[in-house]
């Protein structure tokens, strides 16, 4: 659990997940290890086999952020590209006149991951999936904040993305590693509204890596 900027958050990227590792990264002492995979050994093998790479990132991030006995919270998930790898595979199957797997289709839609998260944790709270292009991180933050303010309770927020499949690489503007950011969004925490306003007014902070650097470098 990271507490810079008076906000509880965690993040995962290949080779970087702990507080110390992120601090080393922001100081230029550690780089991403693209061969590294999320550690989700705490999830039952039968369930683990069904998880996509994005889902594994989210669960690894949640493990750092949440208490083992965490009370259920409303969920907001945001992603620019979502399960694009699964979508491309489905489109390839169609192009090759092959059958489509109903399971693969169900897991490719934008809200599949937030639903799976609630199912695995056995949370029956409300869930929302956001896709807003380059503004997805900020849009998800605003949605989580709005829900928290309405419900007068913290909301659990995750932003996640991974590089586009090779066929769509020319459209990948960010050139980012696989990444997931998790935050406890509590509208009663003044730091949250200040953070959202800062991101809204500062274009480059809408990028997840710039957003993380800002959190790590902030002192209040």
C-alpha atoms as a PDB file:
ATOM      1  CA  UNK A   1       0.000   0.000   0.000  1.00  0.00           C
ATOM      2  CA  UNK A   2       1.503   3.302  -1.119  1.00  0.00           C
ATOM      3  CA  UNK A   3       0.566   6.512   0.682  1.00  0.00           C
ATOM      4  CA  UNK A   4       2.229   9.304  -1.304  1.00  0.00           C
ATOM      5  CA  UNK A   5      -0.092  12.273  -1.943  1.00  0.00           C
ATOM      6  CA  UNK A   6      -2.229  10.980   0.956  1.00  0.00           C
ATOM      7  CA  UNK A   7      -3.851   8.412  -1.319  1.00  0.00           C
ATOM      8  CA  UNK A   8      -3.714   4.626  -0.987  1.00  0.00           C
ATOM      9  CA  UNK A   9      -2.554   3.152  -4.275  1.00  0.00           C
ATOM     10  CA  UNK A  10      -0.493   0.408  -5.821  1.00  0.00           C
ATOM     11  CA  UNK A  11       0.788  -0.391  -9.295  1.00  0.00           C
ATOM     12  CA  UNK A  12       2.218  -3.246 -11.334  1.00  0.00           C
ATOM     13  CA  UNK A  13       4.411  -3.235 -14.425  1.00  0.00           C
ATOM     14  CA  UNK A  14       6.847  -5.941 -15.608  1.00  0.00           C
ATOM     15  CA  UNK A  15       9.613  -6.164 -13.009  1.00  0.00           C
ATOM     16  CA  UNK A  16       8.224  -3.351 -10.850  1.00  0.00           C
ATOM     17  CA  UNK A  17       5.517  -3.802  -8.244  1.00  0.00           C
ATOM     18  CA  UNK A  18       6.674  -3.018  -4.718  1.00  0.00           C
ATOM     19  CA  UNK A  19       6.950   0.452  -3.197  1.00  0.00           C
ATOM     20  CA  UNK A  20      10.730   0.251  -3.167  1.00  0.00           C
ATOM     21  CA  UNK A  21      10.897  -0.858  -6.816  1.00  0.00           C
ATOM     22  CA  UNK A  22       8.707   2.025  -7.958  1.00  0.00           C
ATOM     23  CA  UNK A  23      10.850   4.461  -6.001  1.00  0.00           C
ATOM     24  CA  UNK A  24      13.949   3.040  -7.707  1.00  0.00           C
ATOM     25  CA  UNK A  25      12.234   3.375 -11.084  1.00  0.00           C
ATOM     26  CA  UNK A  26      11.303   7.026 -10.613  1.00  0.00           C
ATOM     27  CA  UNK A  27      14.954   7.729  -9.643  1.00  0.00           C
ATOM     28  CA  UNK A  28      16.186   5.990 -12.808  1.00  0.00           C
ATOM     29  CA  UNK A  29      17.741   3.091 -10.888  1.00  0.00           C
ATOM     30  CA  UNK A  30      15.406   0.367 -12.200  1.00  0.00           C
ATOM     31  CA  UNK A  31      13.879  -0.381 -15.594  1.00  0.00           C
ATOM     32  CA  UNK A  32      11.062  -2.618 -16.753  1.00  0.00           C
ATOM     33  CA  UNK A  33      11.715  -6.315 -17.257  1.00  0.00           C
ATOM     34  CA  UNK A  34       9.323  -7.266 -20.044  1.00  0.00           C
ATOM     35  CA  UNK A  35       9.854 -10.984 -19.355  1.00  0.00           C
ATOM     36  CA  UNK A  36       8.438 -10.637 -15.829  1.00  0.00           C
ATOM     37  CA  UNK A  37       4.898 -11.837 -15.138  1.00  0.00           C
ATOM     38  CA  UNK A  38       2.451 -10.949 -12.330  1.00  0.00           C
ATOM     39  CA  UNK A  39       2.644 -13.147  -9.248  1.00  0.00           C
ATOM     40  CA  UNK A  40      -0.860 -14.500  -8.726  1.00  0.00           C
ATOM     41  CA  UNK A  41       0.117 -17.677  -6.909  1.00  0.00           C
ATOM     42  CA  UNK A  42      -2.470 -16.775  -4.258  1.00  0.00           C
ATOM     43  CA  UNK A  43      -5.276 -17.567  -6.748  1.00  0.00           C
ATOM     44  CA  UNK A  44      -6.426 -21.157  -7.158  1.00  0.00           C
ATOM     45  CA  UNK A  45      -4.818 -22.855 -10.213  1.00  0.00           C
ATOM     46  CA  UNK A  46      -8.177 -23.695 -11.799  1.00  0.00           C
ATOM     47  CA  UNK A  47      -9.151 -20.022 -11.731  1.00  0.00           C
ATOM     48  CA  UNK A  48      -5.653 -18.789 -12.580  1.00  0.00           C
ATOM     49  CA  UNK A  49      -5.621 -20.642 -15.902  1.00  0.00           C
ATOM     50  CA  UNK A  50      -8.633 -18.673 -17.109  1.00  0.00           C
ATOM     51  CA  UNK A  51      -7.142 -15.251 -16.417  1.00  0.00           C
ATOM     52  CA  UNK A  52      -5.835 -13.091 -19.231  1.00  0.00           C
ATOM     53  CA  UNK A  53      -2.610 -11.121 -18.888  1.00  0.00           C
ATOM     54  CA  UNK A  54      -4.649  -8.013 -18.073  1.00  0.00           C
ATOM     55  CA  UNK A  55      -6.614  -9.844 -15.391  1.00  0.00           C
ATOM     56  CA  UNK A  56      -3.404 -11.133 -13.827  1.00  0.00           C
ATOM     57  CA  UNK A  57      -2.053  -7.584 -13.621  1.00  0.00           C
ATOM     58  CA  UNK A  58      -5.217  -6.377 -11.898  1.00  0.00           C
ATOM     59  CA  UNK A  59      -5.196  -9.174  -9.319  1.00  0.00           C
ATOM     60  CA  UNK A  60      -1.480  -8.677  -8.600  1.00  0.00           C
ATOM     61  CA  UNK A  61      -2.110  -4.949  -8.088  1.00  0.00           C
ATOM     62  CA  UNK A  62      -5.125  -5.622  -5.885  1.00  0.00           C
ATOM     63  CA  UNK A  63      -3.081  -7.985  -3.707  1.00  0.00           C
ATOM     64  CA  UNK A  64      -0.773  -5.088  -2.793  1.00  0.00           C
ATOM     65  CA  UNK A  65      -3.596  -2.609  -2.269  1.00  0.00           C
ATOM     66  CA  UNK A  66      -6.256  -4.556  -0.382  1.00  0.00           C
ATOM     67  CA  UNK A  67      -6.352  -6.162   3.022  1.00  0.00           C
ATOM     68  CA  UNK A  68      -7.004  -9.912   3.033  1.00  0.00           C
ATOM     69  CA  UNK A  69     -10.323  -9.310   4.792  1.00  0.00           C
ATOM     70  CA  UNK A  70     -11.215  -6.230   2.721  1.00  0.00           C
ATOM     71  CA  UNK A  71     -14.896  -5.308   2.903  1.00  0.00           C
ATOM     72  CA  UNK A  72     -16.593  -5.255  -0.549  1.00  0.00           C
ATOM     73  CA  UNK A  73     -16.421  -1.933  -2.363  1.00  0.00           C
ATOM     74  CA  UNK A  74     -17.959  -0.526  -5.516  1.00  0.00           C
ATOM     75  CA  UNK A  75     -15.680  -1.064  -8.515  1.00  0.00           C
ATOM     76  CA  UNK A  76     -14.639   1.177 -11.394  1.00  0.00           C
ATOM     77  CA  UNK A  77     -12.310  -0.264 -14.041  1.00  0.00           C
ATOM     78  CA  UNK A  78     -10.892   1.755 -16.935  1.00  0.00           C
ATOM     79  CA  UNK A  79      -8.807   0.803 -19.948  1.00  0.00           C
ATOM     80  CA  UNK A  80      -8.041   2.400 -23.274  1.00  0.00           C
ATOM     81  CA  UNK A  81      -7.725  -0.839 -25.259  1.00  0.00           C
ATOM     82  CA  UNK A  82      -9.140  -3.524 -22.977  1.00  0.00           C
ATOM     83  CA  UNK A  83      -8.871  -7.164 -24.059  1.00  0.00           C
ATOM     84  CA  UNK A  84      -7.707  -6.289 -27.556  1.00  0.00           C
ATOM     85  CA  UNK A  85      -5.673  -9.500 -27.856  1.00  0.00           C
ATOM     86  CA  UNK A  86      -8.819 -11.599 -27.451  1.00  0.00           C
ATOM     87  CA  UNK A  87     -10.705  -9.354 -29.873  1.00  0.00           C
ATOM     88  CA  UNK A  88      -8.040  -9.745 -32.551  1.00  0.00           C
ATOM     89  CA  UNK A  89      -8.132 -13.527 -32.137  1.00  0.00           C
ATOM     90  CA  UNK A  90     -11.914 -13.519 -32.575  1.00  0.00           C
ATOM     91  CA  UNK A  91     -11.627 -11.349 -35.701  1.00  0.00           C
ATOM     92  CA  UNK A  92      -8.948 -13.690 -37.059  1.00  0.00           C
ATOM     93  CA  UNK A  93     -11.252 -16.652 -36.513  1.00  0.00           C
ATOM     94  CA  UNK A  94     -14.014 -14.880 -38.431  1.00  0.00           C
ATOM     95  CA  UNK A  95     -11.639 -14.015 -41.284  1.00  0.00           C
ATOM     96  CA  UNK A  96     -10.578 -17.664 -41.447  1.00  0.00           C
ATOM     97  CA  UNK A  97     -14.228 -18.790 -41.322  1.00  0.00           C
ATOM     98  CA  UNK A  98     -13.593 -20.592 -38.045  1.00  0.00           C
ATOM     99  CA  UNK A  99     -16.021 -20.980 -35.179  1.00  0.00           C
ATOM    100  CA  UNK A 100     -16.087 -18.504 -32.295  1.00  0.00           C
ATOM    101  CA  UNK A 101     -15.775 -19.567 -28.692  1.00  0.00           C
ATOM    102  CA  UNK A 102     -18.652 -18.134 -26.602  1.00  0.00           C
ATOM    103  CA  UNK A 103     -16.301 -18.052 -23.604  1.00  0.00           C
ATOM    104  CA  UNK A 104     -13.636 -16.111 -25.537  1.00  0.00           C
ATOM    105  CA  UNK A 105     -16.261 -13.672 -26.759  1.00  0.00           C
ATOM    106  CA  UNK A 106     -17.657 -13.187 -23.253  1.00  0.00           C
ATOM    107  CA  UNK A 107     -14.181 -12.487 -21.870  1.00  0.00           C
ATOM    108  CA  UNK A 108     -13.323 -10.019 -24.655  1.00  0.00           C
ATOM    109  CA  UNK A 109     -15.947  -7.370 -23.886  1.00  0.00           C
ATOM    110  CA  UNK A 110     -14.882  -4.245 -22.044  1.00  0.00           C
ATOM    111  CA  UNK A 111     -16.711  -5.007 -18.793  1.00  0.00           C
ATOM    112  CA  UNK A 112     -15.635  -8.658 -18.561  1.00  0.00           C
ATOM    113  CA  UNK A 113     -12.692  -8.027 -16.252  1.00  0.00           C
ATOM    114  CA  UNK A 114     -14.569  -5.986 -13.659  1.00  0.00           C
ATOM    115  CA  UNK A 115     -17.248  -8.682 -13.601  1.00  0.00           C
ATOM    116  CA  UNK A 116     -14.660 -11.416 -13.168  1.00  0.00           C
ATOM    117  CA  UNK A 117     -13.011  -9.491 -10.334  1.00  0.00           C
ATOM    118  CA  UNK A 118     -16.291  -9.260  -8.452  1.00  0.00           C
ATOM    119  CA  UNK A 119     -17.039 -12.925  -9.117  1.00  0.00           C
ATOM    120  CA  UNK A 120     -13.667 -14.206  -7.881  1.00  0.00           C
ATOM    121  CA  UNK A 121     -13.716 -12.014  -4.770  1.00  0.00           C
ATOM    122  CA  UNK A 122     -17.425 -12.771  -4.288  1.00  0.00           C
ATOM    123  CA  UNK A 123     -18.331  -9.098  -4.183  1.00  0.00           C
ATOM    124  CA  UNK A 124     -21.869  -8.218  -5.232  1.00  0.00           C
ATOM    125  CA  UNK A 125     -21.229  -4.470  -5.256  1.00  0.00           C
ATOM    126  CA  UNK A 126     -21.858  -2.243  -8.278  1.00  0.00           C
ATOM    127  CA  UNK A 127     -19.282  -2.321 -11.083  1.00  0.00           C
ATOM    128  CA  UNK A 128     -18.523   0.069 -13.931  1.00  0.00           C
ATOM    129  CA  UNK A 129     -16.211  -0.271 -16.950  1.00  0.00           C
ATOM    130  CA  UNK A 130     -14.860   2.865 -18.654  1.00  0.00           C
ATOM    131  CA  UNK A 131     -13.279   3.256 -22.086  1.00  0.00           C
ATOM    132  CA  UNK A 132     -12.508   6.847 -23.123  1.00  0.00           C
ATOM    133  CA  UNK A 133      -9.546   6.699 -25.488  1.00  0.00           C
ATOM    134  CA  UNK A 134      -6.519   8.687 -24.364  1.00  0.00           C
ATOM    135  CA  UNK A 135      -8.596  10.116 -21.490  1.00  0.00           C
ATOM    136  CA  UNK A 136      -9.476   6.714 -20.016  1.00  0.00           C
ATOM    137  CA  UNK A 137      -7.356   7.090 -16.868  1.00  0.00           C
ATOM    138  CA  UNK A 138      -8.860  10.490 -16.027  1.00  0.00           C
ATOM    139  CA  UNK A 139     -12.401   9.440 -16.999  1.00  0.00           C
ATOM    140  CA  UNK A 140     -12.169   6.455 -14.679  1.00  0.00           C
ATOM    141  CA  UNK A 141     -10.912   8.646 -11.843  1.00  0.00           C
ATOM    142  CA  UNK A 142     -13.787  11.076 -12.278  1.00  0.00           C
ATOM    143  CA  UNK A 143     -16.313   8.227 -12.387  1.00  0.00           C
ATOM    144  CA  UNK A 144     -14.893   6.647  -9.228  1.00  0.00           C
ATOM    145  CA  UNK A 145     -14.871  10.024  -7.449  1.00  0.00           C
ATOM    146  CA  UNK A 146     -18.464  10.762  -8.494  1.00  0.00           C
ATOM    147  CA  UNK A 147     -19.658   7.382  -7.241  1.00  0.00           C
ATOM    148  CA  UNK A 148     -17.782   7.824  -3.975  1.00  0.00           C
ATOM    149  CA  UNK A 149     -19.314  11.235  -3.432  1.00  0.00           C
ATOM    150  CA  UNK A 150     -22.822   9.948  -4.181  1.00  0.00           C
ATOM    151  CA  UNK A 151     -22.500   6.816  -2.036  1.00  0.00           C
ATOM    152  CA  UNK A 152     -20.396   8.491   0.671  1.00  0.00           C
ATOM    153  CA  UNK A 153     -18.059   5.514   0.622  1.00  0.00           C
ATOM    154  CA  UNK A 154     -14.661   4.710  -0.942  1.00  0.00           C
ATOM    155  CA  UNK A 155     -14.597   3.194  -4.424  1.00  0.00           C
ATOM    156  CA  UNK A 156     -11.939   0.807  -5.715  1.00  0.00           C
ATOM    157  CA  UNK A 157     -10.490   1.979  -9.041  1.00  0.00           C
ATOM    158  CA  UNK A 158      -8.170   0.214 -11.485  1.00  0.00           C
ATOM    159  CA  UNK A 159      -6.660   1.479 -14.710  1.00  0.00           C
ATOM    160  CA  UNK A 160      -4.930  -1.137 -16.871  1.00  0.00           C
ATOM    161  CA  UNK A 161      -3.585  -1.534 -20.395  1.00  0.00           C
ATOM    162  CA  UNK A 162      -1.036  -3.451 -22.417  1.00  0.00           C
ATOM    163  CA  UNK A 163       0.567  -2.851 -25.835  1.00  0.00           C
ATOM    164  CA  UNK A 164      -1.688  -3.412 -28.816  1.00  0.00           C
ATOM    165  CA  UNK A 165      -1.325  -6.614 -30.854  1.00  0.00           C
ATOM    166  CA  UNK A 166       1.185  -6.397 -33.691  1.00  0.00           C
ATOM    167  CA  UNK A 167      -1.464  -5.825 -36.360  1.00  0.00           C
ATOM    168  CA  UNK A 168      -2.512  -2.591 -34.609  1.00  0.00           C
ATOM    169  CA  UNK A 169       0.935  -1.395 -33.510  1.00  0.00           C
ATOM    170  CA  UNK A 170       0.776   1.653 -35.796  1.00  0.00           C
ATOM    171  CA  UNK A 171      -2.140   2.937 -33.689  1.00  0.00           C
ATOM    172  CA  UNK A 172      -0.339   2.491 -30.356  1.00  0.00           C
ATOM    173  CA  UNK A 173       0.481   6.080 -29.400  1.00  0.00           C
ATOM    174  CA  UNK A 174       1.775   5.510 -25.904  1.00  0.00           C
ATOM    175  CA  UNK A 175       4.550   2.928 -26.408  1.00  0.00           C
ATOM    176  CA  UNK A 176       3.912   1.804 -22.817  1.00  0.00           C
ATOM    177  CA  UNK A 177       4.703  -1.459 -21.055  1.00  0.00           C
ATOM    178  CA  UNK A 178       1.858  -3.556 -19.645  1.00  0.00           C
ATOM    179  CA  UNK A 179       0.657  -1.580 -16.636  1.00  0.00           C
ATOM    180  CA  UNK A 180      -1.998  -1.536 -13.942  1.00  0.00           C
ATOM    181  CA  UNK A 181      -2.702   1.175 -11.357  1.00  0.00           C
ATOM    182  CA  UNK A 182      -5.063   0.698  -8.429  1.00  0.00           C
ATOM    183  CA  UNK A 183      -6.401   3.442  -6.149  1.00  0.00           C
ATOM    184  CA  UNK A 184      -8.754   3.797  -3.224  1.00  0.00           C
ATOM    185  CA  UNK A 185     -10.893   6.743  -4.302  1.00  0.00           C
ATOM    186  CA  UNK A 186     -12.579   8.430  -1.356  1.00  0.00           C
ATOM    187  CA  UNK A 187     -14.389  11.696  -2.091  1.00  0.00           C
ATOM    188  CA  UNK A 188     -13.945  12.695   1.562  1.00  0.00           C
ATOM    189  CA  UNK A 189     -10.176  12.731   1.016  1.00  0.00           C
ATOM    190  CA  UNK A 190      -9.282  16.249  -0.181  1.00  0.00           C
ATOM    191  CA  UNK A 191      -6.193  14.869  -1.938  1.00  0.00           C
ATOM    192  CA  UNK A 192      -8.386  12.975  -4.407  1.00  0.00           C
ATOM    193  CA  UNK A 193     -10.173  16.060  -5.739  1.00  0.00           C
ATOM    194  CA  UNK A 194      -6.849  17.924  -5.945  1.00  0.00           C
ATOM    195  CA  UNK A 195      -5.313  15.026  -7.843  1.00  0.00           C
ATOM    196  CA  UNK A 196      -8.168  14.869 -10.354  1.00  0.00           C
ATOM    197  CA  UNK A 197      -7.983  18.616 -10.960  1.00  0.00           C
ATOM    198  CA  UNK A 198      -4.226  18.435 -11.489  1.00  0.00           C
ATOM    199  CA  UNK A 199      -4.570  15.583 -14.006  1.00  0.00           C
ATOM    200  CA  UNK A 200      -7.444  17.347 -15.774  1.00  0.00           C
ATOM    201  CA  UNK A 201      -5.397  20.503 -16.264  1.00  0.00           C
ATOM    202  CA  UNK A 202      -2.064  18.822 -17.094  1.00  0.00           C
ATOM    203  CA  UNK A 203      -2.227  16.944 -20.375  1.00  0.00           C
ATOM    204  CA  UNK A 204       0.819  14.705 -19.938  1.00  0.00           C
ATOM    205  CA  UNK A 205      -0.439  13.392 -16.564  1.00  0.00           C
ATOM    206  CA  UNK A 206      -3.176  11.514 -18.436  1.00  0.00           C
ATOM    207  CA  UNK A 207      -0.448   9.037 -19.391  1.00  0.00           C
ATOM    208  CA  UNK A 208      -0.203   6.266 -16.766  1.00  0.00           C
ATOM    209  CA  UNK A 209       3.589   6.458 -16.367  1.00  0.00           C
ATOM    210  CA  UNK A 210       3.544  10.244 -15.975  1.00  0.00           C
ATOM    211  CA  UNK A 211       0.691   9.853 -13.504  1.00  0.00           C
ATOM    212  CA  UNK A 212       2.763   7.395 -11.454  1.00  0.00           C
ATOM    213  CA  UNK A 213       5.790   9.681 -11.496  1.00  0.00           C
ATOM    214  CA  UNK A 214       3.632  12.498 -10.204  1.00  0.00           C
ATOM    215  CA  UNK A 215       2.323  10.372  -7.333  1.00  0.00           C
ATOM    216  CA  UNK A 216       5.798   9.193  -6.414  1.00  0.00           C
ATOM    217  CA  UNK A 217       7.246  12.704  -6.469  1.00  0.00           C
ATOM    218  CA  UNK A 218       4.363  14.338  -4.565  1.00  0.00           C
ATOM    219  CA  UNK A 219       4.643  15.143  -0.896  1.00  0.00           C
ATOM    220  CA  UNK A 220       1.090  16.157  -0.127  1.00  0.00           C
END
